[in-house]
N, C-alpha and C. Protein backbone atom coordinates (compact mmCIF):
# COMPACT_ATOMS: atom_id res chain seq x y z
N MET A 1 -49.56 -26.45 36.42
CA MET A 1 -50.74 -26.06 35.69
C MET A 1 -50.55 -24.63 35.21
N SER A 2 -51.02 -24.38 34.04
CA SER A 2 -50.87 -23.06 33.41
C SER A 2 -52.24 -22.37 33.35
N VAL A 3 -52.25 -21.07 33.70
CA VAL A 3 -53.48 -20.28 33.61
C VAL A 3 -53.19 -18.99 32.85
N GLN A 4 -54.22 -18.42 32.28
CA GLN A 4 -54.13 -17.13 31.61
C GLN A 4 -54.63 -16.06 32.58
N LEU A 5 -53.78 -15.11 32.91
CA LEU A 5 -54.15 -14.04 33.84
C LEU A 5 -54.39 -12.76 33.06
N LEU A 6 -55.47 -12.07 33.42
CA LEU A 6 -55.82 -10.77 32.83
C LEU A 6 -55.90 -9.75 33.96
N TYR A 7 -55.26 -8.60 33.78
CA TYR A 7 -55.27 -7.53 34.78
C TYR A 7 -55.97 -6.31 34.19
N PHE A 8 -56.81 -5.65 34.99
CA PHE A 8 -57.59 -4.53 34.50
C PHE A 8 -57.40 -3.28 35.36
N ALA A 9 -57.68 -2.14 34.75
CA ALA A 9 -57.71 -0.82 35.40
C ALA A 9 -56.37 -0.53 36.08
N TRP A 10 -56.41 0.00 37.31
CA TRP A 10 -55.17 0.41 37.96
C TRP A 10 -54.28 -0.78 38.31
N LEU A 11 -54.84 -1.99 38.41
CA LEU A 11 -54.01 -3.17 38.62
C LEU A 11 -53.10 -3.40 37.42
N ARG A 12 -53.65 -3.21 36.24
CA ARG A 12 -52.86 -3.34 35.02
C ARG A 12 -51.71 -2.34 35.01
N ALA A 13 -52.02 -1.11 35.37
CA ALA A 13 -50.98 -0.07 35.38
C ALA A 13 -49.91 -0.37 36.42
N ARG A 14 -50.31 -0.79 37.60
CA ARG A 14 -49.33 -1.06 38.67
C ARG A 14 -48.47 -2.28 38.38
N ILE A 15 -49.07 -3.31 37.82
CA ILE A 15 -48.31 -4.53 37.51
C ILE A 15 -47.46 -4.32 36.27
N GLY A 16 -47.94 -3.48 35.36
CA GLY A 16 -47.16 -3.18 34.17
C GLY A 16 -47.44 -4.08 32.98
N ARG A 17 -48.54 -4.81 33.05
CA ARG A 17 -48.94 -5.66 31.92
C ARG A 17 -50.43 -5.94 32.01
N GLY A 18 -51.02 -6.24 30.89
CA GLY A 18 -52.44 -6.51 30.85
C GLY A 18 -52.78 -7.98 30.94
N GLU A 19 -51.83 -8.81 30.57
CA GLU A 19 -52.09 -10.25 30.62
C GLU A 19 -50.78 -11.02 30.61
N GLU A 20 -50.88 -12.25 31.06
CA GLU A 20 -49.74 -13.16 31.01
C GLU A 20 -50.23 -14.58 31.19
N GLU A 21 -49.50 -15.51 30.63
CA GLU A 21 -49.75 -16.92 30.90
C GLU A 21 -48.72 -17.33 31.94
N LEU A 22 -49.17 -18.01 32.97
CA LEU A 22 -48.30 -18.31 34.09
C LEU A 22 -48.46 -19.76 34.52
N GLU A 23 -47.33 -20.40 34.76
CA GLU A 23 -47.31 -21.76 35.31
C GLU A 23 -47.38 -21.64 36.83
N LEU A 24 -48.40 -22.23 37.43
CA LEU A 24 -48.58 -22.13 38.88
C LEU A 24 -47.99 -23.35 39.59
N PRO A 25 -47.47 -23.13 40.78
CA PRO A 25 -46.97 -24.26 41.56
C PRO A 25 -48.14 -25.15 42.02
N PRO A 26 -47.87 -26.42 42.28
CA PRO A 26 -48.94 -27.35 42.68
C PRO A 26 -49.71 -26.92 43.93
N ALA A 27 -49.11 -26.13 44.80
CA ALA A 27 -49.77 -25.71 46.04
C ALA A 27 -50.92 -24.73 45.78
N VAL A 28 -50.95 -24.09 44.61
CA VAL A 28 -52.01 -23.14 44.30
C VAL A 28 -53.21 -23.92 43.79
N ARG A 29 -54.27 -23.92 44.63
CA ARG A 29 -55.46 -24.71 44.28
C ARG A 29 -56.72 -23.87 44.14
N ASP A 30 -56.68 -22.63 44.66
CA ASP A 30 -57.87 -21.79 44.61
C ASP A 30 -57.46 -20.33 44.39
N VAL A 31 -58.46 -19.46 44.28
CA VAL A 31 -58.21 -18.05 44.01
C VAL A 31 -57.37 -17.42 45.12
N ALA A 32 -57.66 -17.73 46.36
CA ALA A 32 -56.87 -17.18 47.47
C ALA A 32 -55.41 -17.56 47.34
N GLY A 33 -55.14 -18.81 47.03
CA GLY A 33 -53.77 -19.26 46.84
C GLY A 33 -53.09 -18.58 45.66
N LEU A 34 -53.85 -18.36 44.60
CA LEU A 34 -53.31 -17.66 43.43
C LEU A 34 -52.91 -16.23 43.79
N LEU A 35 -53.79 -15.52 44.49
CA LEU A 35 -53.49 -14.14 44.86
C LEU A 35 -52.27 -14.07 45.78
N GLU A 36 -52.17 -14.99 46.71
CA GLU A 36 -51.01 -15.02 47.60
C GLU A 36 -49.74 -15.34 46.82
N PHE A 37 -49.83 -16.26 45.87
CA PHE A 37 -48.68 -16.59 45.04
C PHE A 37 -48.23 -15.36 44.25
N LEU A 38 -49.18 -14.64 43.66
CA LEU A 38 -48.82 -13.44 42.90
C LEU A 38 -48.16 -12.41 43.80
N ARG A 39 -48.71 -12.19 44.99
CA ARG A 39 -48.11 -11.23 45.94
C ARG A 39 -46.69 -11.65 46.30
N SER A 40 -46.47 -12.95 46.43
CA SER A 40 -45.15 -13.43 46.81
C SER A 40 -44.09 -13.21 45.73
N ARG A 41 -44.53 -12.87 44.52
CA ARG A 41 -43.58 -12.58 43.44
C ARG A 41 -42.87 -11.26 43.69
N GLY A 42 -43.41 -10.47 44.64
CA GLY A 42 -42.77 -9.22 45.04
C GLY A 42 -42.94 -8.10 44.02
N GLY A 43 -42.20 -7.03 44.23
CA GLY A 43 -42.20 -5.90 43.32
C GLY A 43 -43.57 -5.35 43.02
N ARG A 44 -43.83 -5.18 41.74
CA ARG A 44 -45.11 -4.60 41.29
C ARG A 44 -46.31 -5.44 41.70
N TYR A 45 -46.15 -6.76 41.72
CA TYR A 45 -47.26 -7.64 42.12
C TYR A 45 -47.63 -7.40 43.58
N ALA A 46 -46.62 -7.36 44.44
CA ALA A 46 -46.88 -7.14 45.87
C ALA A 46 -47.52 -5.78 46.09
N GLU A 47 -47.07 -4.78 45.37
CA GLU A 47 -47.63 -3.43 45.51
C GLU A 47 -49.09 -3.40 45.04
N ALA A 48 -49.35 -3.95 43.87
CA ALA A 48 -50.70 -3.91 43.30
C ALA A 48 -51.69 -4.72 44.13
N LEU A 49 -51.23 -5.80 44.74
CA LEU A 49 -52.12 -6.70 45.48
C LEU A 49 -51.97 -6.56 46.99
N ALA A 50 -51.44 -5.46 47.43
CA ALA A 50 -51.21 -5.24 48.87
C ALA A 50 -52.51 -5.30 49.66
N ASP A 51 -53.58 -4.72 49.12
CA ASP A 51 -54.87 -4.70 49.80
C ASP A 51 -55.87 -5.53 49.00
N LEU A 52 -56.00 -6.80 49.35
CA LEU A 52 -56.87 -7.69 48.59
C LEU A 52 -58.35 -7.40 48.79
N SER A 53 -58.69 -6.54 49.75
CA SER A 53 -60.10 -6.20 49.95
C SER A 53 -60.64 -5.36 48.79
N VAL A 54 -59.76 -4.79 47.98
CA VAL A 54 -60.19 -3.98 46.84
C VAL A 54 -59.94 -4.69 45.51
N VAL A 55 -59.80 -6.00 45.57
CA VAL A 55 -59.54 -6.80 44.37
C VAL A 55 -60.69 -7.78 44.16
N ARG A 56 -61.17 -7.86 42.94
CA ARG A 56 -62.20 -8.81 42.56
C ARG A 56 -61.61 -9.77 41.54
N VAL A 57 -62.21 -10.96 41.45
CA VAL A 57 -61.68 -11.99 40.55
C VAL A 57 -62.83 -12.66 39.80
N ALA A 58 -62.58 -12.95 38.54
CA ALA A 58 -63.49 -13.75 37.73
C ALA A 58 -62.68 -14.91 37.15
N VAL A 59 -63.25 -16.10 37.18
CA VAL A 59 -62.63 -17.27 36.56
C VAL A 59 -63.54 -17.68 35.41
N ASN A 60 -62.95 -17.72 34.22
CA ASN A 60 -63.70 -18.07 33.01
C ASN A 60 -64.97 -17.21 32.88
N GLN A 61 -64.79 -15.92 33.17
CA GLN A 61 -65.79 -14.87 33.00
C GLN A 61 -66.95 -14.94 33.98
N ASP A 62 -66.76 -15.64 35.10
CA ASP A 62 -67.75 -15.66 36.18
C ASP A 62 -67.11 -15.12 37.44
N TYR A 63 -67.77 -14.15 38.09
CA TYR A 63 -67.28 -13.66 39.37
C TYR A 63 -67.22 -14.81 40.36
N VAL A 64 -66.13 -14.88 41.14
CA VAL A 64 -65.97 -15.98 42.08
C VAL A 64 -65.47 -15.47 43.43
N GLU A 65 -65.63 -16.31 44.44
CA GLU A 65 -65.10 -16.04 45.78
C GLU A 65 -63.68 -16.58 45.87
N ARG A 66 -63.02 -16.26 46.96
CA ARG A 66 -61.62 -16.65 47.16
C ARG A 66 -61.41 -18.16 47.24
N ASP A 67 -62.45 -18.92 47.63
CA ASP A 67 -62.29 -20.36 47.75
C ASP A 67 -62.57 -21.12 46.45
N HIS A 68 -62.84 -20.38 45.37
CA HIS A 68 -63.12 -21.02 44.08
C HIS A 68 -61.87 -21.72 43.56
N PRO A 69 -61.99 -22.97 43.07
CA PRO A 69 -60.82 -23.68 42.55
C PRO A 69 -60.25 -23.01 41.30
N VAL A 70 -58.94 -23.15 41.14
CA VAL A 70 -58.25 -22.72 39.92
C VAL A 70 -57.67 -23.96 39.28
N ARG A 71 -57.95 -24.12 37.99
CA ARG A 71 -57.51 -25.32 37.26
C ARG A 71 -56.70 -24.92 36.03
N GLY A 72 -55.89 -25.82 35.57
CA GLY A 72 -55.12 -25.58 34.36
C GLY A 72 -56.03 -25.19 33.21
N GLY A 73 -55.62 -24.18 32.45
CA GLY A 73 -56.40 -23.71 31.32
C GLY A 73 -57.40 -22.63 31.66
N ASP A 74 -57.58 -22.34 32.95
CA ASP A 74 -58.53 -21.28 33.35
C ASP A 74 -58.05 -19.91 32.91
N GLU A 75 -59.01 -19.05 32.63
CA GLU A 75 -58.75 -17.63 32.42
C GLU A 75 -59.16 -16.91 33.70
N VAL A 76 -58.21 -16.23 34.32
CA VAL A 76 -58.47 -15.57 35.59
C VAL A 76 -58.28 -14.07 35.40
N ALA A 77 -59.36 -13.32 35.60
CA ALA A 77 -59.33 -11.86 35.49
C ALA A 77 -59.28 -11.26 36.89
N ILE A 78 -58.37 -10.32 37.08
CA ILE A 78 -58.19 -9.67 38.38
C ILE A 78 -58.38 -8.17 38.16
N PHE A 79 -59.28 -7.57 38.97
CA PHE A 79 -59.64 -6.17 38.73
C PHE A 79 -60.17 -5.53 40.00
N PRO A 80 -60.16 -4.20 40.03
CA PRO A 80 -60.78 -3.50 41.17
C PRO A 80 -62.30 -3.55 41.04
N PRO A 81 -63.01 -3.23 42.12
CA PRO A 81 -64.47 -3.21 42.03
C PRO A 81 -64.95 -2.28 40.91
N VAL A 82 -65.99 -2.70 40.25
CA VAL A 82 -66.53 -1.92 39.15
C VAL A 82 -67.62 -1.00 39.69
N THR A 83 -67.52 0.26 39.35
CA THR A 83 -68.56 1.22 39.72
C THR A 83 -69.07 1.89 38.47
N GLY A 84 -70.18 2.48 38.58
CA GLY A 84 -70.73 3.16 37.42
C GLY A 84 -72.08 3.76 37.74
N GLY A 85 -72.61 4.40 36.76
CA GLY A 85 -73.90 5.00 37.02
C GLY A 85 -74.58 5.42 35.77
């Protein structure tokens, strides 16, 4: 299954790209599995996603929890917590 990944803020800088289309292995069924798969790619991915407690995810522009399913064709945005005032 193929998904569109979007990276924002310092995650974008650490990974070195803002977006990519990626074919996921069949074992990746939810957001938690996706994040672990990305970390397992090593290098910049492992560094950027070392502390998942500071990573938020949206699937198809809706904030989701780690157990949210990931399906082919989904747009998955990965970003640090948003602050503002």
